[in-house]
C-alpha atoms as a PDB file:
ATOM      1  CA  MET A   1      -0.494 -19.198  15.962  1.00  0.00           C
ATOM      2  CA  SER A   2      -0.939 -15.786  16.919  1.00  0.00           C
ATOM      3  CA  SER A   3      -0.741 -12.934  14.341  1.00  0.00           C
ATOM      4  CA  GLY A   4       2.512 -11.279  14.287  1.00  0.00           C
ATOM      5  CA  GLN A   5       4.242 -14.538  14.731  1.00  0.00           C
ATOM      6  CA  PRO A   6       5.761 -16.156  11.578  1.00  0.00           C
ATOM      7  CA  ALA A   7       3.768 -18.894  10.160  1.00  0.00           C
ATOM      8  CA  PHE A   8       6.665 -20.235   8.137  1.00  0.00           C
ATOM      9  CA  TYR A   9       7.707 -23.520   9.681  1.00  0.00           C
ATOM     10  CA  ILE A  10       9.832 -26.513   8.820  1.00  0.00           C
ATOM     11  CA  GLN A  11       9.306 -30.223   9.101  1.00  0.00           C
ATOM     12  CA  HIS A  12      12.240 -32.245   8.645  1.00  0.00           C
ATOM     13  CA  CYS A  13      11.531 -35.164   6.425  1.00  0.00           C
ATOM     14  CA  ALA A  14      14.309 -36.930   4.580  1.00  0.00           C
ATOM     15  CA  GLY A  15      14.189 -36.440   0.789  1.00  0.00           C
ATOM     16  CA  ILE A  16      11.070 -34.066   0.747  1.00  0.00           C
ATOM     17  CA  ILE A  17      11.042 -30.345  -0.157  1.00  0.00           C
ATOM     18  CA  GLN A  18       9.100 -28.426   2.366  1.00  0.00           C
ATOM     19  CA  CYS A  19       7.338 -25.235   1.402  1.00  0.00           C
ATOM     20  CA  GLY A  20       6.214 -22.737   4.125  1.00  0.00           C
ATOM     21  CA  GLU A  21       4.462 -19.185   3.373  1.00  0.00           C
ATOM     22  CA  ASN A  22       5.684 -15.769   4.144  1.00  0.00           C
ATOM     23  CA  ALA A  23       2.966 -14.430   6.728  1.00  0.00           C
ATOM     24  CA  LEU A  24       2.109 -11.710   9.057  1.00  0.00           C
ATOM     25  CA  GLY A  25       4.773 -10.339  11.184  1.00  0.00           C
ATOM     26  CA  PRO A  26       7.450  -7.666  11.201  1.00  0.00           C
ATOM     27  CA  PHE A  27       9.783  -7.133   8.362  1.00  0.00           C
ATOM     28  CA  ASP A  28      12.924  -8.142  10.282  1.00  0.00           C
ATOM     29  CA  VAL A  29      11.518 -11.289  11.759  1.00  0.00           C
ATOM     30  CA  GLN A  30      10.143 -12.500   8.324  1.00  0.00           C
ATOM     31  CA  MET A  31      13.288 -11.874   6.490  1.00  0.00           C
ATOM     32  CA  GLU A  32      15.313 -13.541   9.330  1.00  0.00           C
ATOM     33  CA  VAL A  33      13.209 -16.681   9.147  1.00  0.00           C
ATOM     34  CA  LEU A  34      13.413 -16.945   5.518  1.00  0.00           C
ATOM     35  CA  ASP A  35      17.311 -16.153   5.430  1.00  0.00           C
ATOM     36  CA  ARG A  36      17.813 -18.912   7.990  1.00  0.00           C
ATOM     37  CA  ALA A  37      15.365 -21.473   6.722  1.00  0.00           C
ATOM     38  CA  LEU A  38      15.318 -21.534   2.813  1.00  0.00           C
ATOM     39  CA  SER A  39      17.590 -24.013   1.366  1.00  0.00           C
ATOM     40  CA  GLU A  40      17.385 -26.743  -1.362  1.00  0.00           C
ATOM     41  CA  GLN A  41      14.875 -28.589   0.618  1.00  0.00           C
ATOM     42  CA  VAL A  42      12.993 -25.658   2.133  1.00  0.00           C
ATOM     43  CA  ARG A  43      11.156 -23.214  -0.515  1.00  0.00           C
ATOM     44  CA  PHE A  44       8.393 -20.668   0.027  1.00  0.00           C
ATOM     45  CA  THR A  45       5.040 -19.601  -1.358  1.00  0.00           C
ATOM     46  CA  PHE A  46       5.118 -15.957  -1.884  1.00  0.00           C
ATOM     47  CA  ASP A  47       1.978 -14.224  -0.518  1.00  0.00           C
ATOM     48  CA  ALA A  48       1.796 -10.514  -1.634  1.00  0.00           C
ATOM     49  CA  ALA A  49      -1.176  -9.758   0.426  1.00  0.00           C
ATOM     50  CA  HIS A  50       0.236 -11.271   3.682  1.00  0.00           C
ATOM     51  CA  ALA A  51       3.297  -9.021   2.960  1.00  0.00           C
ATOM     52  CA  ALA A  52       1.103  -6.054   2.414  1.00  0.00           C
ATOM     53  CA  PHE A  53      -0.918  -6.533   5.738  1.00  0.00           C
ATOM     54  CA  SER A  54       2.405  -6.714   7.546  1.00  0.00           C
ATOM     55  CA  SER A  55       3.159  -3.171   6.223  1.00  0.00           C
ATOM     56  CA  ILE A  56       5.918  -4.618   3.942  1.00  0.00           C
ATOM     57  CA  ASP A  57       6.507  -3.920   0.267  1.00  0.00           C
ATOM     58  CA  PRO A  58       5.719  -7.296  -1.311  1.00  0.00           C
ATOM     59  CA  LEU A  59       8.541  -6.701  -3.799  1.00  0.00           C
ATOM     60  CA  GLU A  60      10.921  -7.138  -0.704  1.00  0.00           C
ATOM     61  CA  PHE A  61      10.291 -10.846  -0.895  1.00  0.00           C
ATOM     62  CA  LEU A  62      11.645 -11.101  -4.420  1.00  0.00           C
ATOM     63  CA  ARG A  63      15.171 -11.120  -3.044  1.00  0.00           C
ATOM     64  CA  PHE A  64      14.393 -14.898  -2.325  1.00  0.00           C
ATOM     65  CA  SER A  65      13.626 -15.410  -5.900  1.00  0.00           C
ATOM     66  CA  SER A  66      15.594 -18.763  -6.314  1.00  0.00           C
ATOM     67  CA  TYR A  67      13.379 -20.251  -3.454  1.00  0.00           C
ATOM     68  CA  ILE A  68      10.015 -19.138  -4.580  1.00  0.00           C
ATOM     69  CA  VAL A  69       7.893 -22.134  -5.945  1.00  0.00           C
ATOM     70  CA  ASN A  70       4.441 -20.660  -5.957  1.00  0.00           C
ATOM     71  CA  VAL A  71       2.676 -17.293  -5.767  1.00  0.00           C
ATOM     72  CA  HIS A  72      -0.631 -16.857  -3.940  1.00  0.00           C
ATOM     73  CA  ALA A  73      -2.774 -14.325  -5.973  1.00  0.00           C
ATOM     74  CA  TYR A  74      -5.733 -12.447  -4.577  1.00  0.00           C
ATOM     75  CA  ASP A  75      -6.529  -8.895  -3.948  1.00  0.00           C
ATOM     76  CA  ALA A  76      -7.378  -7.035  -0.680  1.00  0.00           C
ATOM     77  CA  ASN A  77      -8.533  -3.738   0.487  1.00  0.00           C
ATOM     78  CA  LEU A  78      -6.127  -3.126   3.493  1.00  0.00           C
ATOM     79  CA  GLN A  79      -8.816  -1.371   5.341  1.00  0.00           C
ATOM     80  CA  LEU A  80     -10.664  -4.645   5.790  1.00  0.00           C
ATOM     81  CA  PRO A  81      -9.471  -7.496   7.748  1.00  0.00           C
ATOM     82  CA  LEU A  82      -7.027 -10.077   6.260  1.00  0.00           C
ATOM     83  CA  GLY A  83      -9.190 -12.781   4.798  1.00  0.00           C
ATOM     84  CA  ASP A  84     -11.635 -10.446   2.916  1.00  0.00           C
ATOM     85  CA  TRP A  85     -10.180 -11.430  -0.267  1.00  0.00           C
ATOM     86  CA  LEU A  86     -11.090 -10.043  -3.681  1.00  0.00           C
ATOM     87  CA  PRO A  87     -10.297 -10.947  -7.228  1.00  0.00           C
ATOM     88  CA  CYS A  88      -6.937  -9.454  -8.344  1.00  0.00           C
ATOM     89  CA  GLY A  89      -7.616  -5.934  -9.647  1.00  0.00           C
ATOM     90  CA  LEU A  90     -10.336  -5.071  -7.434  1.00  0.00           C
ATOM     91  CA  GLY A  91      -8.535  -4.297  -4.276  1.00  0.00           C
ATOM     92  CA  ASN A  92      -5.522  -2.063  -3.563  1.00  0.00           C
ATOM     93  CA  MET A  93      -2.766  -4.435  -4.049  1.00  0.00           C
ATOM     94  CA  ASP A  94      -0.202  -3.364  -6.642  1.00  0.00           C
ATOM     95  CA  TRP A  95      -0.471  -6.329  -9.147  1.00  0.00           C
ATOM     96  CA  PRO A  96       1.043  -4.513 -12.023  1.00  0.00           C
ATOM     97  CA  GLY A  97       4.102  -3.851  -9.960  1.00  0.00           C
ATOM     98  CA  ILE A  98       3.998  -7.395  -8.520  1.00  0.00           C
ATOM     99  CA  ILE A  99       3.933  -9.125 -11.931  1.00  0.00           C
ATOM    100  CA  ALA A 100       6.368  -6.783 -13.334  1.00  0.00           C
ATOM    101  CA  GLY A 101       8.780  -7.900 -10.262  1.00  0.00           C
ATOM    102  CA  LEU A 102       8.089 -11.462 -10.919  1.00  0.00           C
ATOM    103  CA  LYS A 103       8.915 -11.024 -14.697  1.00  0.00           C
ATOM    104  CA  LYS A 104      12.134  -9.270 -13.698  1.00  0.00           C
ATOM    105  CA  ILE A 105      13.322 -12.189 -11.503  1.00  0.00           C
ATOM    106  CA  GLY A 106      12.357 -14.536 -14.213  1.00  0.00           C
ATOM    107  CA  TYR A 107       9.717 -16.338 -12.207  1.00  0.00           C
ATOM    108  CA  GLN A 108       8.159 -19.261 -14.130  1.00  0.00           C
ATOM    109  CA  GLY A 109       6.417 -21.186 -11.439  1.00  0.00           C
ATOM    110  CA  PRO A 110       2.522 -21.434 -10.766  1.00  0.00           C
ATOM    111  CA  VAL A 111       0.550 -18.295  -9.752  1.00  0.00           C
ATOM    112  CA  THR A 112      -2.434 -19.788  -7.734  1.00  0.00           C
ATOM    113  CA  ILE A 113      -5.566 -17.821  -7.473  1.00  0.00           C
ATOM    114  CA  GLU A 114      -6.513 -18.062  -3.908  1.00  0.00           C
ATOM    115  CA  LEU A 115     -10.071 -18.169  -2.895  1.00  0.00           C
ATOM    116  CA  ASN A 116     -11.698 -17.663   0.489  1.00  0.00           C
ATOM    117  CA  GLU A 117     -15.036 -19.455   0.348  1.00  0.00           C
ATOM    118  CA  ARG A 118     -16.208 -17.615   3.357  1.00  0.00           C
ATOM    119  CA  GLN A 119     -15.873 -14.355   1.849  1.00  0.00           C
ATOM    120  CA  LEU A 120     -17.022 -14.858  -1.708  1.00  0.00           C
ATOM    121  CA  ARG A 121     -20.412 -13.392  -1.293  1.00  0.00           C
ATOM    122  CA  LYS A 122     -18.726  -9.958  -0.724  1.00  0.00           C
ATOM    123  CA  VAL A 123     -17.015 -10.297  -3.980  1.00  0.00           C
ATOM    124  CA  LEU A 124     -20.412  -9.973  -5.966  1.00  0.00           C
ATOM    125  CA  GLU A 125     -21.116  -6.732  -3.967  1.00  0.00           C
ATOM    126  CA  VAL A 126     -17.590  -5.318  -5.205  1.00  0.00           C
ATOM    127  CA  LEU A 127     -18.220  -6.752  -8.827  1.00  0.00           C
ATOM    128  CA  ASP A 128     -21.605  -5.102  -8.892  1.00  0.00           C
ATOM    129  CA  THR A 129     -20.206  -1.789  -8.386  1.00  0.00           C
ATOM    130  CA  ALA A 130     -16.985  -2.363 -10.602  1.00  0.00           C
ATOM    131  CA  THR A 131     -18.269  -3.921 -13.787  1.00  0.00           C
ATOM    132  CA  GLY A 132     -21.505  -5.000 -15.143  1.00  0.00           C
ATOM    133  CA  GLU A 133     -19.924  -7.822 -17.374  1.00  0.00           C
ATOM    134  CA  ILE A 134     -19.029 -10.081 -14.690  1.00  0.00           C
ATOM    135  CA  LEU A 135     -22.661 -10.144 -13.285  1.00  0.00           C
ATOM    136  CA  ASN A 136     -23.765 -11.567 -16.624  1.00  0.00           C
ATOM    137  CA  LEU A 137     -22.260 -14.942 -15.516  1.00  0.00           C
ATOM    138  CA  LYS A 138     -24.564 -15.267 -12.670  1.00  0.00           C
ATOM    139  CA  ASP A 139     -25.285 -18.925 -13.764  1.00  0.00           C
ATOM    140  CA  LEU A 140     -21.724 -19.733 -12.682  1.00  0.00           C
ATOM    141  CA  ALA A 141     -20.506 -20.565  -9.106  1.00  0.00           C
ATOM    142  CA  LEU A 142     -19.167 -17.818  -7.036  1.00  0.00           C
ATOM    143  CA  GLU A 143     -15.616 -19.324  -7.146  1.00  0.00           C
ATOM    144  CA  ASP A 144     -15.823 -19.381 -10.894  1.00  0.00           C
ATOM    145  CA  HIS A 145     -16.492 -15.542 -10.830  1.00  0.00           C
ATOM    146  CA  PHE A 146     -13.390 -15.014  -8.703  1.00  0.00           C
ATOM    147  CA  ALA A 147     -11.229 -17.322 -10.395  1.00  0.00           C
ATOM    148  CA  LEU A 148     -12.235 -16.094 -13.875  1.00  0.00           C
ATOM    149  CA  TYR A 149     -12.029 -12.495 -13.257  1.00  0.00           C
ATOM    150  CA  ALA A 150      -8.795 -12.869 -11.572  1.00  0.00           C
ATOM    151  CA  ARG A 151      -7.141 -15.049 -14.174  1.00  0.00           C
ATOM    152  CA  GLU A 152      -8.091 -12.552 -16.954  1.00  0.00           C
ATOM    153  CA  TYR A 153      -6.640  -9.634 -15.016  1.00  0.00           C
ATOM    154  CA  LEU A 154      -3.519 -11.592 -14.165  1.00  0.00           C
ATOM    155  CA  ASP A 155      -3.241 -12.853 -17.941  1.00  0.00           C
ATOM    156  CA  ASN A 156      -3.404  -9.408 -19.250  1.00  0.00           C
ATOM    157  CA  LEU A 157      -0.590  -8.312 -16.934  1.00  0.00           C
ATOM    158  CA  ILE A 158       1.699 -11.160 -17.713  1.00  0.00           C
ATOM    159  CA  GLN A 159       1.226 -10.751 -21.336  1.00  0.00           C
ATOM    160  CA  GLY A 160       1.998  -7.226 -20.966  1.00  0.00           C
END
């Protein structure tokens, strides 16, 4: 599917709840797809970075609060291509605002720290300039660096 096209799709399967993800694309297209598709059988995963890369305020998607069943959490530098993911708190996503918005709508579902294995080497370069503490964990896998840093950051925001 080309960028700019919604990646939210529906498969009709009796008795199964389908879940799509907001994707790249213009605001009006994404909102129309979600307005038309979401139902008791069709839910969605909220991906704030996809929204930001589409020049959409991620908080706009919280209007679909009763249909959000998962949140993808990673950070991004919007000057880099989509896919150059960073641990939450090391990019330019407004995670304090996003977490506050999720709290406001009473979201209780999972927040999934999304990893991009192809880009994790870049994370160490960012961590090297951002904090010395994380680099003391060099014996851990890169995935652990990413996940632990992001989880601690998000936990602190959620705990308030």
